[in-house]
Amino acid sequence: MSILKAAIIGGGHIADQNHIPALKNLADQVEVTAVCSRDLQKARALADKHQIPFAYDNAEELFGSQNKPDLIINCTANYLHYPFTMQALENGCHVLCEKPPAITAAQAREMADFAKMKGKILAYNLQLRQTQEYTLLKKCLESGQLGEIYHIKADFVRRRGIPGWGNFTNKEIQGGGALMDLGVHILDLALSLLDYRMPDRIAANTYDFIGKAGGKGLMGNWNAESFEVEDACFAHLSFPDNVSIMLSTTFALNTKSEKNVNLQVFGTLAGAVLNPFSMYTEIAGELANIKFPHLQETDIQLANTTAFLDACRGESSNICNAEQGAILQEVVEKIYQSAQR
């Protein structure tokens, strides 16, 4: 098996704590050769920390070097996902891009179409797909144990989890708030259960009451005066075959739990809850609750990076691919449009 050369674009926390450690754990498949950031000192510091040989402050120099990578991990801010992904694809690289796919649906569609034209893999780091619970949920669905799904309740809710650092409340940089940062994760899981069909009706509401008012934060204190995004989004998605998704995603909500990330799936033969995974059905004429107490925790970043490398080699993979990313971004855009009416 040939060793692929990888480069990181974006020198922040997600590269340092998630992507580079995962790549380092896959040294038999991939070698991290470079870090690129607009701040050369930052790029050099991150490269030195992880014993990566090259650092750049210019992507053109990265792609023009003798150490040109085979693949790019795009860890830039949301508004930079599109230009750096397109540049990497133009230079013949596969791309694993952080979520969300882009700022707009048009950008995500162009990225998907361009990747297909160039014959390269474009995928997104929606790593909640890799949990043991979701893997088992998919197996139960595919084996027919749930019957036909007709409703999904999808939640990614924080009580007071507005990040007190970074650009998470800047609309120009992020494109949105809770939906863009958190909701895309759980929406990806729900849409994947439905084979990524497009809804034909969306009714949504967004709110910013807590974000603009300020208050106690559980993830640092945020600046209420510069809060520009939604702190809560609630949406009902209806599909042509009378299937529905109810999505709730919040940075801040006056609720009991500090954090709730879950799916509730309702099928004609059984229902299921993702976390902790359990099923609710009828067996031999009696109601039955089925639990799975022996599921093991998975390093989901390592698993998602492995899935990306599998896709790059033309092997079977459950990574969120470019087409799914384009559909996801279109659904996100339609949710925002519905909320503005």
Protein backbone atom coordinates (compact mmCIF):
# COMPACT_ATOMS: atom_id res chain seq x y z
CA MET A 1 0.00 0.00 0.00
CA SER A 2 1.46 3.35 -1.05
CA ILE A 3 1.81 6.06 1.59
CA LEU A 4 -0.25 9.16 0.81
CA LYS A 5 1.15 12.61 1.57
CA ALA A 6 -1.17 14.92 3.53
CA ALA A 7 -1.07 18.63 4.27
CA ILE A 8 -3.11 20.61 6.79
CA ILE A 9 -4.58 23.96 5.79
CA GLY A 10 -5.57 25.92 8.89
CA GLY A 11 -3.48 25.94 12.04
CA GLY A 12 -6.12 26.06 14.78
CA HIS A 13 -7.42 23.85 17.55
CA ILE A 14 -9.27 21.35 15.33
CA ALA A 15 -6.10 20.61 13.36
CA ASP A 16 -3.96 20.34 16.48
CA GLN A 17 -6.31 18.25 18.63
CA ASN A 18 -8.28 16.20 16.09
CA HIS A 19 -6.87 15.81 12.62
CA ILE A 20 -3.11 15.65 13.11
CA PRO A 21 -3.29 13.05 15.94
CA ALA A 22 -5.62 10.90 13.82
CA LEU A 23 -3.30 11.10 10.83
CA LYS A 24 -0.29 10.30 13.01
CA ASN A 25 -2.08 7.17 14.21
CA LEU A 26 -2.41 6.08 10.57
CA ALA A 27 1.28 6.40 9.70
CA ASP A 28 1.15 3.14 7.75
CA GLN A 29 -1.22 4.83 5.30
CA VAL A 30 -0.47 8.55 5.34
CA GLU A 31 2.38 10.93 6.09
CA VAL A 32 1.71 14.50 7.23
CA THR A 33 4.26 16.59 5.37
CA ALA A 34 3.11 20.21 5.80
CA VAL A 35 1.02 22.74 7.67
CA CYS A 36 -0.24 25.86 5.94
CA SER A 37 -1.64 28.89 7.76
CA ARG A 38 -1.86 32.58 6.90
CA ASP A 39 0.34 33.13 9.97
CA LEU A 40 3.68 31.48 9.20
CA GLN A 41 4.76 31.57 12.84
CA LYS A 42 1.57 29.74 13.81
CA ALA A 43 2.08 27.18 11.04
CA ARG A 44 5.70 26.59 12.07
CA ALA A 45 4.77 26.20 15.75
CA LEU A 46 2.10 23.60 14.93
CA ALA A 47 4.41 21.76 12.56
CA ASP A 48 7.20 21.68 15.14
CA LYS A 49 4.82 20.44 17.86
CA HIS A 50 3.88 17.42 15.75
CA GLN A 51 7.26 16.86 14.04
CA ILE A 52 5.91 17.89 10.62
CA PRO A 53 8.74 18.96 8.29
CA PHE A 54 7.29 21.88 6.31
CA ALA A 55 5.30 25.02 7.12
CA TYR A 56 3.83 27.56 4.70
CA ASP A 57 1.83 30.77 4.86
CA ASN A 58 0.75 30.55 1.23
CA ALA A 59 -1.27 27.70 -0.31
CA GLU A 60 0.13 28.38 -3.77
CA GLU A 61 3.63 27.76 -2.41
CA LEU A 62 2.40 24.54 -0.78
CA PHE A 63 0.93 23.21 -4.02
CA GLY A 64 3.92 24.35 -6.06
CA SER A 65 6.51 22.71 -3.85
CA GLN A 66 8.33 19.43 -4.47
CA ASN A 67 6.41 18.08 -1.50
CA LYS A 68 3.03 18.60 -3.13
CA PRO A 69 0.44 16.63 -1.13
CA ASP A 70 -1.92 13.94 -2.34
CA LEU A 71 -4.64 15.11 0.02
CA ILE A 72 -5.61 18.18 2.01
CA ILE A 73 -7.31 18.45 5.40
CA ASN A 74 -9.20 21.75 5.26
CA CYS A 75 -9.42 23.08 8.83
CA THR A 76 -10.04 26.71 7.96
CA ALA A 77 -12.92 28.92 9.12
CA ASN A 78 -16.29 28.25 7.49
CA TYR A 79 -16.08 31.08 4.95
CA LEU A 80 -12.75 29.70 3.70
CA HIS A 81 -13.95 26.12 3.14
CA TYR A 82 -15.00 26.88 -0.44
CA PRO A 83 -11.92 28.71 -1.79
CA PHE A 84 -9.32 26.40 -0.23
CA THR A 85 -11.23 23.24 -1.19
CA MET A 86 -11.55 24.43 -4.78
CA GLN A 87 -7.84 25.32 -4.87
CA ALA A 88 -6.89 21.90 -3.53
CA LEU A 89 -9.10 20.10 -6.05
CA GLU A 90 -7.69 22.23 -8.87
CA ASN A 91 -4.23 21.07 -7.80
CA GLY A 92 -5.23 17.40 -7.95
CA CYS A 93 -5.70 16.73 -4.24
CA HIS A 94 -8.37 14.78 -2.40
CA VAL A 95 -9.97 16.90 0.34
CA LEU A 96 -11.36 16.19 3.78
CA CYS A 97 -13.10 19.44 4.75
CA GLU A 98 -14.36 20.43 8.16
CA LYS A 99 -18.08 21.01 8.59
CA PRO A 100 -20.22 22.72 7.46
CA PRO A 101 -19.47 22.12 3.78
CA ALA A 102 -19.61 25.81 2.91
CA ILE A 103 -21.43 29.08 3.58
CA THR A 104 -23.98 28.64 0.78
CA ALA A 105 -25.68 25.80 -1.04
CA ALA A 106 -24.35 27.08 -4.37
CA GLN A 107 -20.77 26.81 -3.10
CA ALA A 108 -21.28 23.27 -1.82
CA ARG A 109 -22.84 22.20 -5.12
CA GLU A 110 -19.97 23.73 -7.10
CA MET A 111 -17.46 21.95 -4.85
CA ALA A 112 -19.19 18.60 -5.38
CA ASP A 113 -19.43 19.04 -9.14
CA PHE A 114 -15.80 20.15 -9.41
CA ALA A 115 -14.56 17.19 -7.35
CA LYS A 116 -16.45 14.84 -9.66
CA MET A 117 -15.03 16.53 -12.73
CA LYS A 118 -11.48 16.30 -11.36
CA GLY A 119 -11.96 12.67 -10.31
CA LYS A 120 -11.05 13.45 -6.69
CA ILE A 121 -12.61 12.59 -3.36
CA LEU A 122 -14.25 15.43 -1.45
CA ALA A 123 -15.60 14.47 1.96
CA TYR A 124 -16.67 16.18 5.17
CA ASN A 125 -15.66 15.63 8.78
CA LEU A 126 -19.09 14.73 10.17
CA GLN A 127 -17.61 12.16 12.50
CA LEU A 128 -20.69 11.33 14.60
CA ARG A 129 -21.40 8.77 11.86
CA GLN A 130 -18.61 6.67 13.35
CA THR A 131 -20.01 5.97 16.82
CA GLN A 132 -20.82 2.37 17.68
CA GLU A 133 -24.38 3.46 18.47
CA TYR A 134 -25.01 4.94 15.04
CA THR A 135 -23.33 2.03 13.29
CA LEU A 136 -25.66 -0.37 15.11
CA LEU A 137 -28.69 1.81 14.39
CA LYS A 138 -27.89 1.66 10.67
CA LYS A 139 -27.48 -2.12 10.82
CA CYS A 140 -30.85 -2.49 12.55
CA LEU A 141 -32.48 -0.35 9.89
CA GLU A 142 -30.82 -2.16 6.98
CA SER A 143 -31.77 -5.57 8.40
CA GLY A 144 -35.43 -4.53 8.57
CA GLN A 145 -35.77 -4.60 12.34
CA LEU A 146 -37.15 -1.05 12.48
CA GLY A 147 -39.48 -1.46 9.53
CA GLU A 148 -40.03 1.78 7.65
CA ILE A 149 -38.94 4.98 9.37
CA TYR A 150 -41.63 7.65 9.34
CA HIS A 151 -40.38 10.18 11.90
CA ILE A 152 -37.03 11.20 13.42
CA LYS A 153 -36.46 13.56 16.33
CA ALA A 154 -32.96 14.98 16.02
CA ASP A 155 -31.45 17.03 18.85
CA PHE A 156 -28.11 18.76 19.36
CA VAL A 157 -28.87 21.05 22.26
CA ARG A 158 -26.65 22.95 24.68
CA ARG A 159 -28.03 24.79 27.69
CA ARG A 160 -25.56 27.70 27.79
CA GLY A 161 -22.91 26.53 25.36
CA ILE A 162 -22.20 29.62 23.28
CA PRO A 163 -18.43 29.44 22.68
CA GLY A 164 -16.66 32.27 24.46
CA TRP A 165 -13.73 32.20 22.02
CA GLY A 166 -13.09 32.23 18.29
CA ASN A 167 -15.47 33.44 15.61
CA PHE A 168 -18.52 31.32 16.45
CA THR A 169 -20.79 34.36 16.84
CA ASN A 170 -19.58 36.17 13.69
CA LYS A 171 -22.06 35.61 10.88
CA GLU A 172 -19.76 36.68 8.04
CA ILE A 173 -17.08 34.18 9.06
CA GLN A 174 -19.34 31.35 10.25
CA GLY A 175 -22.39 31.76 8.02
CA GLY A 176 -24.69 31.01 10.96
CA GLY A 177 -24.80 29.86 14.55
CA ALA A 178 -26.08 26.71 16.23
CA LEU A 179 -27.39 25.18 13.00
CA MET A 180 -24.09 25.62 11.13
CA ASP A 181 -21.90 24.51 14.02
CA LEU A 182 -23.92 21.80 15.80
CA GLY A 183 -27.09 21.08 13.86
CA VAL A 184 -25.27 19.89 10.75
CA HIS A 185 -23.91 16.94 12.75
CA ILE A 186 -27.25 15.57 13.88
CA LEU A 187 -29.01 16.54 10.63
CA ASP A 188 -26.41 14.51 8.71
CA LEU A 189 -27.25 11.45 10.81
CA ALA A 190 -30.98 11.86 10.27
CA LEU A 191 -30.68 12.45 6.52
CA SER A 192 -28.35 9.47 6.16
CA LEU A 193 -31.03 7.22 7.70
CA LEU A 194 -33.37 8.46 4.95
CA ASP A 195 -30.85 7.89 2.12
CA TYR A 196 -30.26 11.63 1.90
CA ARG A 197 -33.59 12.45 0.33
CA MET A 198 -34.52 16.13 -0.03
CA PRO A 199 -37.50 17.44 1.96
CA ASP A 200 -40.21 19.19 0.00
CA ARG A 201 -41.49 21.31 2.90
CA ILE A 202 -39.59 23.03 5.71
CA ALA A 203 -40.98 25.15 8.53
CA ALA A 204 -38.36 26.68 10.78
CA ASN A 205 -37.76 29.28 13.46
CA THR A 206 -34.51 30.74 14.76
CA TYR A 207 -33.90 32.80 17.91
CA ASP A 208 -31.14 34.90 19.48
CA PHE A 209 -32.68 36.00 22.79
CA ILE A 210 -30.00 34.56 25.08
CA GLY A 211 -27.12 35.31 22.73
CA LYS A 212 -27.98 39.00 22.52
CA ALA A 213 -28.84 39.29 26.22
CA GLY A 214 -25.68 37.70 27.58
CA GLY A 215 -25.47 35.80 30.85
CA LYS A 216 -23.65 32.87 32.41
CA GLY A 217 -21.82 30.69 29.95
CA LEU A 218 -20.74 27.09 30.35
CA MET A 219 -18.16 27.40 27.56
CA GLY A 220 -16.74 30.80 28.45
CA ASN A 221 -18.47 34.17 28.42
CA TRP A 222 -19.42 35.53 25.02
CA ASN A 223 -19.74 39.13 23.86
CA ALA A 224 -23.49 39.81 23.67
CA GLU A 225 -22.95 43.12 21.87
CA SER A 226 -21.29 41.43 18.89
CA PHE A 227 -23.55 38.35 18.80
CA GLU A 228 -24.72 38.05 15.16
CA VAL A 229 -26.01 34.46 14.74
CA GLU A 230 -28.86 32.30 15.99
CA ASP A 231 -28.52 30.71 19.41
CA ALA A 232 -31.44 28.33 18.71
CA CYS A 233 -33.01 26.74 15.65
CA PHE A 234 -36.08 24.53 15.45
CA ALA A 235 -37.22 23.04 12.15
CA HIS A 236 -39.79 20.56 10.86
CA LEU A 237 -38.80 18.83 7.61
CA SER A 238 -41.43 16.97 5.59
CA PHE A 239 -40.59 14.57 2.77
CA PRO A 240 -42.72 13.58 -0.25
CA ASP A 241 -43.38 10.08 1.15
CA ASN A 242 -44.88 11.44 4.40
CA VAL A 243 -41.67 11.03 6.39
CA SER A 244 -40.59 13.81 8.74
CA ILE A 245 -37.68 15.10 10.82
CA MET A 246 -38.01 17.41 13.81
CA LEU A 247 -34.69 19.18 14.35
CA SER A 248 -33.71 21.09 17.50
CA THR A 249 -30.25 22.64 17.76
CA THR A 250 -29.10 25.31 20.20
CA PHE A 251 -26.06 27.08 21.55
CA ALA A 252 -28.22 28.31 24.42
CA LEU A 253 -31.60 27.22 25.73
CA ASN A 254 -33.16 27.46 29.17
CA THR A 255 -33.43 23.72 29.65
CA LYS A 256 -32.41 21.13 32.25
CA SER A 257 -29.57 19.24 30.56
CA GLU A 258 -26.29 21.01 29.88
CA LYS A 259 -26.00 19.05 26.62
CA ASN A 260 -28.18 16.62 24.70
CA VAL A 261 -27.07 14.98 21.47
CA ASN A 262 -29.53 12.35 20.36
CA LEU A 263 -31.76 10.78 17.75
CA GLN A 264 -35.12 9.22 18.37
CA VAL A 265 -36.20 7.10 15.43
CA PHE A 266 -39.76 5.89 14.95
CA GLY A 267 -40.38 2.97 12.61
CA THR A 268 -43.33 0.78 11.73
CA LEU A 269 -41.85 -2.24 13.53
CA ALA A 270 -39.69 -0.63 16.22
CA GLY A 271 -38.37 2.63 17.55
CA ALA A 272 -34.84 3.41 18.67
CA VAL A 273 -32.93 5.93 20.77
CA LEU A 274 -29.34 6.59 19.79
CA ASN A 275 -27.76 7.52 23.14
CA PRO A 276 -27.65 5.19 24.98
CA PHE A 277 -28.68 2.88 22.16
CA SER A 278 -31.91 1.03 22.82
CA MET A 279 -34.89 -0.29 20.85
CA TYR A 280 -38.61 -0.38 21.65
CA THR A 281 -40.79 -2.95 19.95
CA GLU A 282 -43.19 -5.86 20.41
CA ILE A 283 -41.99 -9.48 20.76
CA ALA A 284 -44.31 -12.48 21.00
CA GLY A 285 -47.27 -10.22 21.62
CA GLU A 286 -45.59 -8.28 24.44
CA LEU A 287 -43.96 -4.86 24.53
CA ALA A 288 -40.19 -5.13 24.74
CA ASN A 289 -37.35 -2.76 25.56
CA ILE A 290 -34.02 -3.91 24.14
CA LYS A 291 -30.76 -2.51 25.52
CA PHE A 292 -27.16 -2.95 24.38
CA PRO A 293 -24.95 -2.52 27.46
CA HIS A 294 -21.68 -3.72 25.91
CA LEU A 295 -21.10 -1.18 23.14
CA GLN A 296 -17.57 0.23 23.27
CA GLU A 297 -16.53 3.82 22.78
CA THR A 298 -14.93 4.61 19.43
CA ASP A 299 -12.27 7.17 18.51
CA ILE A 300 -14.61 8.78 16.00
CA GLN A 301 -12.03 11.14 14.53
CA LEU A 302 -9.65 8.26 13.86
CA ALA A 303 -12.50 6.25 12.36
CA ASN A 304 -13.62 9.12 10.13
CA THR A 305 -10.08 9.81 8.92
CA THR A 306 -9.73 6.10 8.14
CA ALA A 307 -12.99 6.22 6.19
CA PHE A 308 -11.65 9.17 4.20
CA LEU A 309 -8.44 7.34 3.33
CA ASP A 310 -10.51 4.31 2.29
CA ALA A 311 -12.50 6.53 -0.07
CA CYS A 312 -9.30 8.03 -1.51
CA ARG A 313 -8.18 4.51 -2.39
CA GLY A 314 -11.49 3.65 -4.02
CA GLU A 315 -12.58 1.37 -1.20
CA SER A 316 -15.98 1.17 0.48
CA SER A 317 -16.48 4.04 2.93
CA ASN A 318 -19.22 5.54 5.08
CA ILE A 319 -17.72 9.05 4.95
CA CYS A 320 -20.03 12.00 4.25
CA ASN A 321 -19.28 12.47 0.57
CA ALA A 322 -19.41 15.52 -1.67
CA GLU A 323 -22.94 14.87 -2.97
CA GLN A 324 -24.32 14.39 0.51
CA GLY A 325 -22.54 17.54 1.64
CA ALA A 326 -24.18 19.52 -1.15
CA ILE A 327 -27.62 18.23 -0.15
CA LEU A 328 -26.92 18.94 3.52
CA GLN A 329 -25.93 22.54 2.75
CA GLU A 330 -29.05 23.00 0.63
CA VAL A 331 -31.25 21.78 3.49
CA VAL A 332 -29.46 24.11 5.91
CA GLU A 333 -29.99 27.05 3.55
CA LYS A 334 -33.68 26.23 3.17
CA ILE A 335 -34.06 26.08 6.97
CA TYR A 336 -32.59 29.56 7.26
CA GLN A 337 -34.80 30.84 4.46
CA SER A 338 -37.91 29.43 6.12
CA ALA A 339 -36.98 31.07 9.42
CA GLN A 340 -36.68 34.48 7.73
CA ARG A 341 -40.25 34.49 6.40
